[in-house]
Amino acid sequence: MKPKTKNRDPLAHLGTEGIFRSADLEAVGLHRSQLPRLIEQGEVERLGRGLYRRTSEEISQHITVAAVCRRVPQAIVCLLTALRIHEIGTQSPWEVWIGLDRKARKPRFQDLAVRIVRFSGASLDEGVEEMRIQGVRVKITSPARTVVDCFRYRNKIGLDVALEALRETVQGRKATPAEIVRTAEALRARTVILPYVESLVA
């Protein structure tokens, strides 16, 4: 009879989740008390309070975004961080920009640099897409929605950033002027952005 071989990867049953919380270990038959040993052995890296990464998973340049969204699943990645992920413009924010429901409780991020803006109504769904980053499900504004948000929040990020985002999104064919205007209409921002769109395509 062939002897049973010991599973060399105690985290294999976590599946594709590259980032996990300590509570996730119990779901695959492990105990939280095993974490210090796994960290010492180099199997796991601590990302922040209650967040860990399997070192066998390839590191994404957006790992901090994944960590934030793993902690707050309802977060919508937006504005400067969305521009960065969509490869629009030259912004390289040191904070992760997220949108949350205006009524949602403010989460604590002592160990992660996060900037929060508040959304309500159509802003919670219009132009919001999903993608996977580091195995984590991430909600993010589409290129067209991101441009519109840049104009809506131009007092926070600067009109120059919004204009750059509009120009590069259209020239890079990440969204058409019509898509941007339609999204702006849904978010009641048409009068703000339309003159700039018309000037660009004139």
N, C-alpha and C. Protein backbone atom coordinates (compact mmCIF):
# COMPACT_ATOMS: atom_id res chain seq x y z
N MET A 1 0.85 -1.20 0.00
CA MET A 1 0.00 0.00 0.00
C MET A 1 0.88 1.24 0.00
N LYS A 2 0.58 2.17 -0.89
CA LYS A 2 1.39 3.37 -1.06
C LYS A 2 1.11 4.34 0.09
N PRO A 3 2.14 4.82 0.77
CA PRO A 3 1.91 5.74 1.88
C PRO A 3 1.36 7.07 1.40
N LYS A 4 0.55 7.70 2.24
CA LYS A 4 -0.02 9.00 1.89
C LYS A 4 1.06 10.06 1.96
N THR A 5 1.05 10.93 0.97
CA THR A 5 2.03 12.02 0.96
C THR A 5 1.42 13.24 1.61
N LYS A 6 2.19 13.91 2.40
CA LYS A 6 1.71 15.10 3.10
C LYS A 6 1.62 16.27 2.13
N ASN A 7 0.53 17.00 2.21
CA ASN A 7 0.35 18.18 1.36
C ASN A 7 1.37 19.23 1.75
N ARG A 8 2.27 19.56 0.85
CA ARG A 8 3.33 20.50 1.16
C ARG A 8 2.84 21.95 1.21
N ASP A 9 1.68 22.20 0.64
CA ASP A 9 1.13 23.56 0.65
C ASP A 9 -0.13 23.57 1.50
N PRO A 10 -0.01 23.97 2.77
CA PRO A 10 -1.18 23.96 3.65
C PRO A 10 -2.25 24.96 3.25
N LEU A 11 -1.91 25.87 2.33
CA LEU A 11 -2.86 26.90 1.91
C LEU A 11 -3.50 26.59 0.56
N ALA A 12 -3.22 25.39 0.03
CA ALA A 12 -3.69 25.05 -1.32
C ALA A 12 -5.21 25.15 -1.44
N HIS A 13 -5.92 24.83 -0.38
CA HIS A 13 -7.38 24.81 -0.45
C HIS A 13 -8.00 26.20 -0.43
N LEU A 14 -7.17 27.23 -0.30
CA LEU A 14 -7.71 28.59 -0.38
C LEU A 14 -8.09 28.95 -1.81
N GLY A 15 -7.71 28.10 -2.75
CA GLY A 15 -8.07 28.33 -4.15
C GLY A 15 -7.28 29.48 -4.76
N THR A 16 -7.99 30.34 -5.51
CA THR A 16 -7.30 31.41 -6.23
C THR A 16 -7.17 32.69 -5.42
N GLU A 17 -7.65 32.67 -4.18
CA GLU A 17 -7.56 33.88 -3.37
C GLU A 17 -6.12 34.12 -2.95
N GLY A 18 -5.45 35.03 -3.63
CA GLY A 18 -4.07 35.33 -3.29
C GLY A 18 -3.97 36.09 -1.99
N ILE A 19 -5.01 36.87 -1.67
CA ILE A 19 -5.06 37.63 -0.42
C ILE A 19 -6.21 37.06 0.41
N PHE A 20 -5.92 36.82 1.69
CA PHE A 20 -6.95 36.23 2.53
C PHE A 20 -6.93 36.85 3.91
N ARG A 21 -7.99 36.62 4.66
CA ARG A 21 -8.10 37.07 6.03
C ARG A 21 -7.89 35.88 6.94
N SER A 22 -7.52 36.14 8.17
CA SER A 22 -7.24 35.05 9.09
C SER A 22 -8.46 34.13 9.25
N ALA A 23 -9.66 34.70 9.17
CA ALA A 23 -10.88 33.89 9.31
C ALA A 23 -11.03 32.88 8.18
N ASP A 24 -10.43 33.17 7.03
CA ASP A 24 -10.54 32.26 5.88
C ASP A 24 -9.83 30.94 6.12
N LEU A 25 -8.86 30.93 7.01
CA LEU A 25 -8.11 29.70 7.27
C LEU A 25 -9.00 28.61 7.84
N GLU A 26 -9.89 28.98 8.72
CA GLU A 26 -10.75 27.99 9.36
C GLU A 26 -11.65 27.29 8.35
N ALA A 27 -12.01 28.00 7.30
CA ALA A 27 -12.87 27.42 6.26
C ALA A 27 -12.17 26.30 5.50
N VAL A 28 -10.83 26.27 5.54
CA VAL A 28 -10.08 25.22 4.83
C VAL A 28 -9.37 24.29 5.81
N GLY A 29 -9.84 24.30 7.07
CA GLY A 29 -9.33 23.34 8.04
C GLY A 29 -8.07 23.74 8.76
N LEU A 30 -7.68 24.99 8.68
CA LEU A 30 -6.50 25.47 9.39
C LEU A 30 -6.94 26.37 10.55
N HIS A 31 -6.03 26.60 11.47
CA HIS A 31 -6.34 27.45 12.61
C HIS A 31 -5.50 28.72 12.56
N ARG A 32 -6.07 29.80 13.07
CA ARG A 32 -5.36 31.08 13.04
C ARG A 32 -4.02 31.01 13.75
N SER A 33 -3.92 30.15 14.74
CA SER A 33 -2.68 30.03 15.50
C SER A 33 -1.51 29.54 14.66
N GLN A 34 -1.83 29.00 13.46
CA GLN A 34 -0.77 28.52 12.57
C GLN A 34 -0.12 29.64 11.77
N LEU A 35 -0.74 30.81 11.77
CA LEU A 35 -0.23 31.92 10.96
C LEU A 35 1.21 32.32 11.28
N PRO A 36 1.56 32.49 12.56
CA PRO A 36 2.95 32.88 12.86
C PRO A 36 3.98 31.91 12.27
N ARG A 37 3.66 30.61 12.33
CA ARG A 37 4.59 29.62 11.78
C ARG A 37 4.66 29.72 10.26
N LEU A 38 3.50 29.93 9.61
CA LEU A 38 3.48 30.05 8.15
C LEU A 38 4.24 31.30 7.69
N ILE A 39 4.14 32.37 8.48
CA ILE A 39 4.88 33.60 8.16
C ILE A 39 6.37 33.37 8.33
N GLU A 40 6.74 32.69 9.43
CA GLU A 40 8.16 32.41 9.69
C GLU A 40 8.77 31.52 8.61
N GLN A 41 7.96 30.59 8.10
CA GLN A 41 8.44 29.68 7.05
C GLN A 41 8.44 30.32 5.67
N GLY A 42 7.92 31.53 5.57
CA GLY A 42 7.90 32.21 4.28
C GLY A 42 6.74 31.83 3.39
N GLU A 43 5.76 31.10 3.93
CA GLU A 43 4.59 30.70 3.15
C GLU A 43 3.60 31.86 3.01
N VAL A 44 3.62 32.75 4.00
CA VAL A 44 2.64 33.82 4.09
C VAL A 44 3.34 35.13 4.42
N GLU A 45 2.81 36.22 3.86
CA GLU A 45 3.30 37.56 4.18
C GLU A 45 2.14 38.39 4.71
N ARG A 46 2.37 39.12 5.78
CA ARG A 46 1.33 39.98 6.34
C ARG A 46 1.28 41.29 5.57
N LEU A 47 0.08 41.67 5.09
CA LEU A 47 -0.10 42.90 4.33
C LEU A 47 -0.61 44.04 5.20
N GLY A 48 -1.36 43.70 6.21
CA GLY A 48 -1.96 44.71 7.07
C GLY A 48 -2.75 44.01 8.15
N ARG A 49 -3.42 44.77 8.97
CA ARG A 49 -4.18 44.18 10.07
C ARG A 49 -5.22 43.18 9.55
N GLY A 50 -4.99 41.90 9.87
CA GLY A 50 -5.93 40.85 9.48
C GLY A 50 -5.86 40.42 8.03
N LEU A 51 -4.90 40.95 7.25
CA LEU A 51 -4.78 40.62 5.83
C LEU A 51 -3.43 39.96 5.56
N TYR A 52 -3.48 38.90 4.75
CA TYR A 52 -2.27 38.13 4.46
C TYR A 52 -2.23 37.76 2.99
N ARG A 53 -1.02 37.44 2.53
CA ARG A 53 -0.82 37.06 1.13
C ARG A 53 -0.05 35.76 1.05
N ARG A 54 -0.48 34.88 0.16
CA ARG A 54 0.28 33.66 -0.12
C ARG A 54 1.51 34.06 -0.93
N THR A 55 2.68 33.74 -0.46
CA THR A 55 3.90 34.14 -1.16
C THR A 55 4.09 33.36 -2.46
N SER A 56 3.35 32.29 -2.63
CA SER A 56 3.45 31.52 -3.88
C SER A 56 2.74 32.21 -5.03
N GLU A 57 1.88 33.19 -4.70
CA GLU A 57 1.16 33.94 -5.73
C GLU A 57 2.02 35.09 -6.24
N GLU A 58 1.99 35.32 -7.55
CA GLU A 58 2.74 36.42 -8.15
C GLU A 58 2.18 37.76 -7.65
N ILE A 59 3.08 38.69 -7.36
CA ILE A 59 2.65 39.98 -6.83
C ILE A 59 2.24 40.92 -7.96
N SER A 60 1.05 41.51 -7.84
CA SER A 60 0.58 42.50 -8.79
C SER A 60 1.03 43.88 -8.33
N GLN A 61 1.22 44.79 -9.27
CA GLN A 61 1.58 46.16 -8.92
C GLN A 61 0.43 46.85 -8.18
N HIS A 62 -0.76 46.26 -8.25
CA HIS A 62 -1.92 46.84 -7.60
C HIS A 62 -2.33 46.03 -6.36
N ILE A 63 -1.36 45.44 -5.71
CA ILE A 63 -1.67 44.57 -4.57
C ILE A 63 -2.34 45.33 -3.43
N THR A 64 -1.97 46.60 -3.24
CA THR A 64 -2.59 47.39 -2.18
C THR A 64 -4.07 47.63 -2.48
N VAL A 65 -4.40 47.82 -3.75
CA VAL A 65 -5.80 47.97 -4.15
C VAL A 65 -6.57 46.70 -3.79
N ALA A 66 -5.97 45.55 -4.11
CA ALA A 66 -6.61 44.27 -3.79
C ALA A 66 -6.81 44.12 -2.29
N ALA A 67 -5.81 44.53 -1.52
CA ALA A 67 -5.90 44.42 -0.06
C ALA A 67 -7.05 45.28 0.49
N VAL A 68 -7.18 46.48 -0.04
CA VAL A 68 -8.26 47.37 0.41
C VAL A 68 -9.62 46.77 0.08
N CYS A 69 -9.76 46.24 -1.13
CA CYS A 69 -11.05 45.69 -1.55
C CYS A 69 -11.34 44.35 -0.88
N ARG A 70 -10.30 43.65 -0.47
CA ARG A 70 -10.52 42.41 0.29
C ARG A 70 -11.08 42.75 1.66
N ARG A 71 -10.62 43.84 2.24
CA ARG A 71 -11.11 44.25 3.55
C ARG A 71 -12.49 44.88 3.46
N VAL A 72 -12.73 45.66 2.38
CA VAL A 72 -14.03 46.34 2.21
C VAL A 72 -14.59 45.97 0.84
N PRO A 73 -15.29 44.85 0.72
CA PRO A 73 -15.78 44.37 -0.58
C PRO A 73 -16.70 45.33 -1.31
N GLN A 74 -17.41 46.20 -0.57
CA GLN A 74 -18.33 47.13 -1.22
C GLN A 74 -17.64 48.36 -1.79
N ALA A 75 -16.35 48.49 -1.57
CA ALA A 75 -15.60 49.65 -2.08
C ALA A 75 -15.58 49.66 -3.60
N ILE A 76 -15.67 50.86 -4.18
CA ILE A 76 -15.58 51.04 -5.63
C ILE A 76 -14.30 51.82 -5.92
N VAL A 77 -13.36 51.19 -6.56
CA VAL A 77 -12.11 51.87 -6.91
C VAL A 77 -12.43 52.95 -7.93
N CYS A 78 -11.94 54.16 -7.69
CA CYS A 78 -12.35 55.28 -8.53
C CYS A 78 -11.25 56.33 -8.66
N LEU A 79 -11.57 57.39 -9.41
CA LEU A 79 -10.73 58.57 -9.57
C LEU A 79 -9.27 58.22 -9.88
N LEU A 80 -8.30 58.73 -9.12
CA LEU A 80 -6.89 58.59 -9.50
C LEU A 80 -6.44 57.14 -9.56
N THR A 81 -6.96 56.30 -8.65
CA THR A 81 -6.57 54.89 -8.67
C THR A 81 -7.15 54.18 -9.88
N ALA A 82 -8.38 54.50 -10.24
CA ALA A 82 -8.98 53.91 -11.44
C ALA A 82 -8.22 54.35 -12.69
N LEU A 83 -7.81 55.63 -12.74
CA LEU A 83 -7.00 56.10 -13.87
C LEU A 83 -5.73 55.27 -14.00
N ARG A 84 -5.09 55.01 -12.88
CA ARG A 84 -3.84 54.25 -12.88
C ARG A 84 -4.05 52.83 -13.39
N ILE A 85 -5.10 52.18 -12.91
CA ILE A 85 -5.38 50.80 -13.32
C ILE A 85 -5.76 50.73 -14.79
N HIS A 86 -6.51 51.71 -15.27
CA HIS A 86 -6.90 51.74 -16.70
C HIS A 86 -5.78 52.28 -17.59
N GLU A 87 -4.67 52.68 -16.97
CA GLU A 87 -3.51 53.24 -17.70
C GLU A 87 -3.91 54.48 -18.49
N ILE A 88 -4.54 55.40 -17.78
CA ILE A 88 -4.96 56.68 -18.36
C ILE A 88 -4.21 57.79 -17.63
N GLY A 89 -3.52 58.64 -18.39
CA GLY A 89 -2.86 59.79 -17.78
C GLY A 89 -1.57 59.44 -17.07
N THR A 90 -1.09 60.41 -16.30
CA THR A 90 0.23 60.29 -15.67
C THR A 90 0.17 60.24 -14.15
N GLN A 91 -1.02 60.16 -13.59
CA GLN A 91 -1.16 60.15 -12.14
C GLN A 91 -0.66 58.85 -11.53
N SER A 92 0.05 58.97 -10.41
CA SER A 92 0.54 57.80 -9.69
C SER A 92 0.25 58.02 -8.20
N PRO A 93 -1.00 57.84 -7.80
CA PRO A 93 -1.40 58.16 -6.43
C PRO A 93 -0.77 57.24 -5.39
N TRP A 94 -0.43 57.81 -4.25
CA TRP A 94 0.11 56.99 -3.16
C TRP A 94 -1.01 56.45 -2.27
N GLU A 95 -2.21 57.01 -2.45
CA GLU A 95 -3.39 56.53 -1.73
C GLU A 95 -4.26 55.72 -2.68
N VAL A 96 -5.04 54.79 -2.14
CA VAL A 96 -6.04 54.08 -2.93
C VAL A 96 -7.35 54.85 -2.80
N TRP A 97 -7.85 55.35 -3.94
CA TRP A 97 -9.10 56.11 -3.95
C TRP A 97 -10.27 55.15 -4.12
N ILE A 98 -11.21 55.21 -3.19
CA ILE A 98 -12.40 54.36 -3.27
C ILE A 98 -13.65 55.19 -3.02
N GLY A 99 -14.75 54.73 -3.61
CA GLY A 99 -16.05 55.33 -3.37
C GLY A 99 -16.88 54.40 -2.50
N LEU A 100 -17.59 54.97 -1.53
CA LEU A 100 -18.47 54.20 -0.67
C LEU A 100 -19.85 54.86 -0.62
N ASP A 101 -20.84 54.06 -0.35
CA ASP A 101 -22.20 54.57 -0.18
C ASP A 101 -22.18 55.68 0.89
N ARG A 102 -22.89 56.74 0.60
CA ARG A 102 -22.93 57.88 1.53
C ARG A 102 -23.38 57.46 2.93
N LYS A 103 -24.21 56.41 2.99
CA LYS A 103 -24.74 55.95 4.28
C LYS A 103 -23.86 54.90 4.95
N ALA A 104 -22.85 54.42 4.24
CA ALA A 104 -22.01 53.35 4.79
C ALA A 104 -21.11 53.86 5.91
N ARG A 105 -20.86 52.99 6.84
CA ARG A 105 -19.98 53.32 7.95
C ARG A 105 -18.55 53.45 7.42
N LYS A 106 -17.81 54.42 7.94
CA LYS A 106 -16.44 54.64 7.48
C LYS A 106 -15.53 53.56 8.05
N PRO A 107 -14.88 52.78 7.19
CA PRO A 107 -13.96 51.73 7.69
C PRO A 107 -12.66 52.34 8.18
N ARG A 108 -11.96 51.58 9.01
CA ARG A 108 -10.68 52.05 9.53
C ARG A 108 -9.55 51.47 8.70
N PHE A 109 -8.63 52.33 8.32
CA PHE A 109 -7.50 51.90 7.50
C PHE A 109 -6.19 52.45 8.07
N GLN A 110 -5.91 52.16 9.33
CA GLN A 110 -4.69 52.70 9.93
C GLN A 110 -3.43 52.25 9.21
N ASP A 111 -3.47 51.06 8.65
CA ASP A 111 -2.26 50.47 8.05
C ASP A 111 -2.25 50.54 6.53
N LEU A 112 -3.28 51.13 5.92
CA LEU A 112 -3.35 51.26 4.46
C LEU A 112 -3.72 52.70 4.11
N ALA A 113 -3.04 53.25 3.11
CA ALA A 113 -3.32 54.64 2.71
C ALA A 113 -4.53 54.67 1.77
N VAL A 114 -5.64 55.20 2.26
CA VAL A 114 -6.90 55.18 1.52
C VAL A 114 -7.55 56.56 1.54
N ARG A 115 -8.10 56.95 0.40
CA ARG A 115 -8.86 58.19 0.29
C ARG A 115 -10.30 57.82 -0.07
N ILE A 116 -11.25 58.29 0.71
CA ILE A 116 -12.65 57.91 0.51
C ILE A 116 -13.47 59.08 -0.01
N VAL A 117 -14.27 58.81 -1.05
CA VAL A 117 -15.28 59.76 -1.50
C VAL A 117 -16.63 59.07 -1.35
N ARG A 118 -17.68 59.86 -1.26
CA ARG A 118 -19.00 59.28 -1.01
C ARG A 118 -19.87 59.31 -2.26
N PHE A 119 -20.51 58.18 -2.56
CA PHE A 119 -21.41 58.05 -3.69
C PHE A 119 -22.83 57.81 -3.17
N SER A 120 -23.80 58.13 -4.02
CA SER A 120 -25.19 57.82 -3.69
C SER A 120 -25.98 57.68 -4.99
N GLY A 121 -27.15 57.08 -4.89
CA GLY A 121 -28.02 56.94 -6.06
C GLY A 121 -27.35 56.21 -7.21
N ALA A 122 -27.45 56.81 -8.41
CA ALA A 122 -26.90 56.20 -9.62
C ALA A 122 -25.38 56.03 -9.55
N SER A 123 -24.71 56.81 -8.73
CA SER A 123 -23.25 56.74 -8.63
C SER A 123 -22.76 55.40 -8.12
N LEU A 124 -23.64 54.65 -7.45
CA LEU A 124 -23.24 53.37 -6.89
C LEU A 124 -23.22 52.26 -7.94
N ASP A 125 -23.87 52.48 -9.09
CA ASP A 125 -23.96 51.41 -10.09
C ASP A 125 -23.52 51.84 -11.50
N GLU A 126 -23.78 53.07 -11.87
CA GLU A 126 -23.52 53.53 -13.23
C GLU A 126 -22.03 53.43 -13.56
N GLY A 127 -21.72 52.67 -14.62
CA GLY A 127 -20.34 52.57 -15.07
C GLY A 127 -19.41 51.86 -14.11
N VAL A 128 -19.96 51.00 -13.27
CA VAL A 128 -19.13 50.23 -12.33
C VAL A 128 -18.92 48.83 -12.89
N GLU A 129 -17.65 48.45 -13.06
CA GLU A 129 -17.30 47.15 -13.61
C GLU A 129 -16.66 46.28 -12.52
N GLU A 130 -16.39 45.03 -12.89
CA GLU A 130 -15.69 44.14 -11.96
C GLU A 130 -14.46 43.55 -12.64
N MET A 131 -13.41 43.36 -11.86
CA MET A 131 -12.22 42.69 -12.35
C MET A 131 -11.58 41.94 -11.20
N ARG A 132 -10.60 41.11 -11.50
CA ARG A 132 -9.87 40.38 -10.47
C ARG A 132 -8.46 40.94 -10.38
N ILE A 133 -8.07 41.30 -9.17
CA ILE A 133 -6.70 41.75 -8.92
C ILE A 133 -6.16 40.91 -7.78
N GLN A 134 -5.08 40.21 -8.01
CA GLN A 134 -4.47 39.36 -6.99
C GLN A 134 -5.49 38.35 -6.44
N GLY A 135 -6.36 37.89 -7.33
CA GLY A 135 -7.37 36.92 -6.92
C GLY A 135 -8.56 37.51 -6.20
N VAL A 136 -8.58 38.82 -6.02
CA VAL A 136 -9.66 39.48 -5.28
C VAL A 136 -10.63 40.15 -6.25
N ARG A 137 -11.93 39.99 -5.99
CA ARG A 137 -12.95 40.64 -6.80
C ARG A 137 -12.95 42.12 -6.46
N VAL A 138 -12.75 42.95 -7.49
CA VAL A 138 -12.64 44.39 -7.30
C VAL A 138 -13.68 45.10 -8.15
N LYS A 139 -14.42 46.02 -7.53
CA LYS A 139 -15.35 46.87 -8.28
C LYS A 139 -14.60 48.16 -8.63
N ILE A 140 -14.71 48.57 -9.89
CA ILE A 140 -13.96 49.74 -10.36
C ILE A 140 -14.77 50.51 -11.38
N THR A 141 -14.63 51.81 -11.40
CA THR A 141 -15.34 52.61 -12.39
C THR A 141 -14.72 52.40 -13.77
N SER A 142 -15.55 52.35 -14.79
CA SER A 142 -15.09 52.18 -16.17
C SER A 142 -14.32 53.42 -16.60
N PRO A 143 -13.58 53.35 -17.71
CA PRO A 143 -12.87 54.55 -18.19
C PRO A 143 -13.80 55.75 -18.37
N ALA A 144 -14.97 55.55 -18.99
CA ALA A 144 -15.90 56.66 -19.20
C ALA A 144 -16.38 57.23 -17.87
N ARG A 145 -16.76 56.35 -16.95
CA ARG A 145 -17.23 56.80 -15.63
C ARG A 145 -16.10 57.50 -14.88
N THR A 146 -14.89 57.00 -15.00
CA THR A 146 -13.76 57.60 -14.30
C THR A 146 -13.53 59.03 -14.77
N VAL A 147 -13.63 59.24 -16.08
CA VAL A 147 -13.47 60.60 -16.62
C VAL A 147 -14.55 61.52 -16.06
N VAL A 148 -15.78 61.05 -16.07
CA VAL A 148 -16.88 61.86 -15.55
C VAL A 148 -16.65 62.20 -14.08
N ASP A 149 -16.21 61.21 -13.30
CA ASP A 149 -15.93 61.46 -11.89
C ASP A 149 -14.82 62.48 -11.69
N CYS A 150 -13.84 62.45 -12.59
CA CYS A 150 -12.75 63.42 -12.49
C CYS A 150 -13.27 64.85 -12.61
N PHE A 151 -14.27 65.06 -13.44
CA PHE A 151 -14.87 66.39 -13.56
C PHE A 151 -15.80 66.68 -12.38
N ARG A 152 -16.50 65.67 -11.91
CA ARG A 152 -17.38 65.86 -10.75
C ARG A 152 -16.59 66.21 -9.50
N TYR A 153 -15.40 65.64 -9.39
CA TYR A 153 -14.57 65.88 -8.21
C TYR A 153 -13.32 66.69 -8.56
N ARG A 154 -13.48 67.58 -9.52
CA ARG A 154 -12.33 68.37 -9.98
C ARG A 154 -11.76 69.27 -8.88
N ASN A 155 -12.58 69.63 -7.92
CA ASN A 155 -12.08 70.46 -6.82
C ASN A 155 -11.14 69.67 -5.90
N LYS A 156 -11.25 68.35 -5.93
CA LYS A 156 -10.39 67.50 -5.12
C LYS A 156 -9.11 67.11 -5.84
N ILE A 157 -9.22 66.86 -7.16
CA ILE A 157 -8.05 66.34 -7.89
C ILE A 157 -7.44 67.35 -8.86
N GLY A 158 -8.18 68.42 -9.18
CA GLY A 158 -7.67 69.43 -10.10
C GLY A 158 -8.26 69.29 -11.49
N LEU A 159 -8.61 70.43 -12.10
CA LEU A 159 -9.18 70.42 -13.44
C LEU A 159 -8.17 69.92 -14.47
N ASP A 160 -6.89 70.18 -14.26
CA ASP A 160 -5.87 69.72 -15.19
C ASP A 160 -5.83 68.20 -15.28
N VAL A 161 -6.05 67.53 -14.15
CA VAL A 161 -6.09 66.06 -14.15
C VAL A 161 -7.31 65.57 -14.92
N ALA A 162 -8.44 66.23 -14.72
CA ALA A 162 -9.67 65.84 -15.42
C ALA A 162 -9.52 66.01 -16.93
N LEU A 163 -8.92 67.11 -17.35
CA LEU A 163 -8.73 67.37 -18.78
C LEU A 163 -7.78 66.36 -19.40
N GLU A 164 -6.71 66.02 -18.68
CA GLU A 164 -5.78 65.01 -19.17
C GLU A 164 -6.48 63.66 -19.32
N ALA A 165 -7.31 63.31 -18.32
CA ALA A 165 -8.03 62.04 -18.35
C ALA A 165 -8.98 61.98 -19.55
N LEU A 166 -9.70 63.07 -19.79
CA LEU A 166 -10.62 63.13 -20.93
C LEU A 166 -9.86 62.97 -22.24
N ARG A 167 -8.80 63.74 -22.40
CA ARG A 167 -8.03 63.70 -23.65
C ARG A 167 -7.44 62.30 -23.92
N GLU A 168 -6.81 61.72 -22.91
CA GLU A 168 -6.15 60.43 -23.13
C GLU A 168 -7.15 59.28 -23.26
N THR A 169 -8.28 59.40 -22.61
CA THR A 169 -9.30 58.35 -22.74
C THR A 169 -9.86 58.31 -24.15
N VAL A 170 -10.13 59.48 -24.71
CA VAL A 170 -10.67 59.54 -26.07
C VAL A 170 -9.60 59.19 -27.10
N GLN A 171 -8.42 59.78 -26.97
CA GLN A 171 -7.35 59.52 -27.93
C GLN A 171 -6.87 58.07 -27.86
N GLY A 172 -6.91 57.48 -26.67
CA GLY A 172 -6.50 56.09 -26.51
C GLY A 172 -7.62 55.11 -26.80
N ARG A 173 -8.77 55.61 -27.18
CA ARG A 173 -9.94 54.81 -27.53
C ARG A 173 -10.37 53.88 -26.41
N LYS A 174 -10.24 54.35 -25.19
CA LYS A 174 -10.72 53.58 -24.04
C LYS A 174 -12.20 53.84 -23.80
N ALA A 175 -12.68 54.95 -24.33
CA ALA A 175 -14.12 55.28 -24.31
C ALA A 175 -14.36 56.35 -25.35
N THR A 176 -15.54 56.34 -25.94
CA THR A 176 -15.87 57.33 -26.96
C THR A 176 -16.47 58.58 -26.30
N PRO A 177 -16.43 59.72 -27.00
CA PRO A 177 -17.09 60.92 -26.46
C PRO A 177 -18.56 60.67 -26.14
N ALA A 178 -19.24 59.89 -26.99
CA ALA A 178 -20.66 59.59 -26.76
C ALA A 178 -20.85 58.82 -25.47
N GLU A 179 -19.97 57.86 -25.20
CA GLU A 179 -20.07 57.07 -23.96
C GLU A 179 -19.86 57.96 -22.73
N ILE A 180 -18.92 58.87 -22.85
CA ILE A 180 -18.63 59.77 -21.73
C ILE A 180 -19.81 60.68 -21.45
N VAL A 181 -20.39 61.24 -22.52
CA VAL A 181 -21.54 62.14 -22.36
C VAL A 181 -22.74 61.37 -21.81
N ARG A 182 -22.97 60.16 -22.31
CA ARG A 182 -24.10 59.36 -21.81
C ARG A 182 -23.94 59.07 -20.32
N THR A 183 -22.72 58.73 -19.91
CA THR A 183 -22.47 58.46 -18.50
C THR A 183 -22.67 59.74 -17.67
N ALA A 184 -22.21 60.86 -18.22
CA ALA A 184 -22.39 62.13 -17.52
C ALA A 184 -23.87 62.46 -17.34
N GLU A 185 -24.66 62.15 -18.35
CA GLU A 185 -26.10 62.40 -18.25
C GLU A 185 -26.71 61.57 -17.12
N ALA A 186 -26.31 60.31 -17.02
CA ALA A 186 -26.84 59.42 -15.98
C ALA A 186 -26.46 59.92 -14.59
N LEU A 187 -25.34 60.62 -14.51
CA LEU A 187 -24.86 61.12 -13.21
C LEU A 187 -25.14 62.61 -13.02
N ARG A 188 -25.96 63.17 -13.92
CA ARG A 188 -26.36 64.58 -13.85
C ARG A 188 -25.14 65.52 -13.88
N ALA A 189 -24.20 65.19 -14.72
CA ALA A 189 -22.99 66.01 -14.85
C ALA A 189 -22.76 66.45 -16.28
N ARG A 190 -23.80 66.36 -17.11
CA ARG A 190 -23.65 66.67 -18.53
C ARG A 190 -23.22 68.11 -18.77
N THR A 191 -23.85 69.05 -18.08
CA THR A 191 -23.53 70.47 -18.33
C THR A 191 -22.10 70.81 -17.94
N VAL A 192 -21.54 70.05 -17.01
CA VAL A 192 -20.16 70.29 -16.57
C VAL A 192 -19.16 69.83 -17.61
N ILE A 193 -19.38 68.66 -18.17
CA ILE A 193 -18.37 68.04 -19.03
C ILE A 193 -18.58 68.30 -20.52
N LEU A 194 -19.81 68.57 -20.95
CA LEU A 194 -20.10 68.70 -22.38
C LEU A 194 -19.23 69.73 -23.10
N PRO A 195 -19.02 70.93 -22.57
CA PRO A 195 -18.18 71.91 -23.28
C PRO A 195 -16.77 71.39 -23.54
N TYR A 196 -16.22 70.66 -22.61
CA TYR A 196 -14.87 70.12 -22.77
C TYR A 196 -14.83 69.00 -23.81
N VAL A 197 -15.86 68.17 -23.84
CA VAL A 197 -15.94 67.10 -24.84
C VAL A 197 -16.08 67.71 -26.23
N GLU A 198 -16.96 68.69 -26.36
CA GLU A 198 -17.17 69.34 -27.67
C GLU A 198 -15.90 70.03 -28.15
N SER A 199 -15.17 70.64 -27.24
CA SER A 199 -13.92 71.31 -27.60
C SER A 199 -12.88 70.31 -28.08
N LEU A 200 -12.89 69.11 -27.47
CA LEU A 200 -11.91 68.09 -27.82
C LEU A 200 -12.16 67.51 -29.21
N VAL A 201 -13.43 67.32 -29.55
CA VAL A 201 -13.78 66.65 -30.82
C VAL A 201 -14.02 67.65 -31.95
N ALA A 202 -13.95 68.93 -31.64
CA ALA A 202 -14.22 69.95 -32.67
C ALA A 202 -13.14 69.93 -33.76
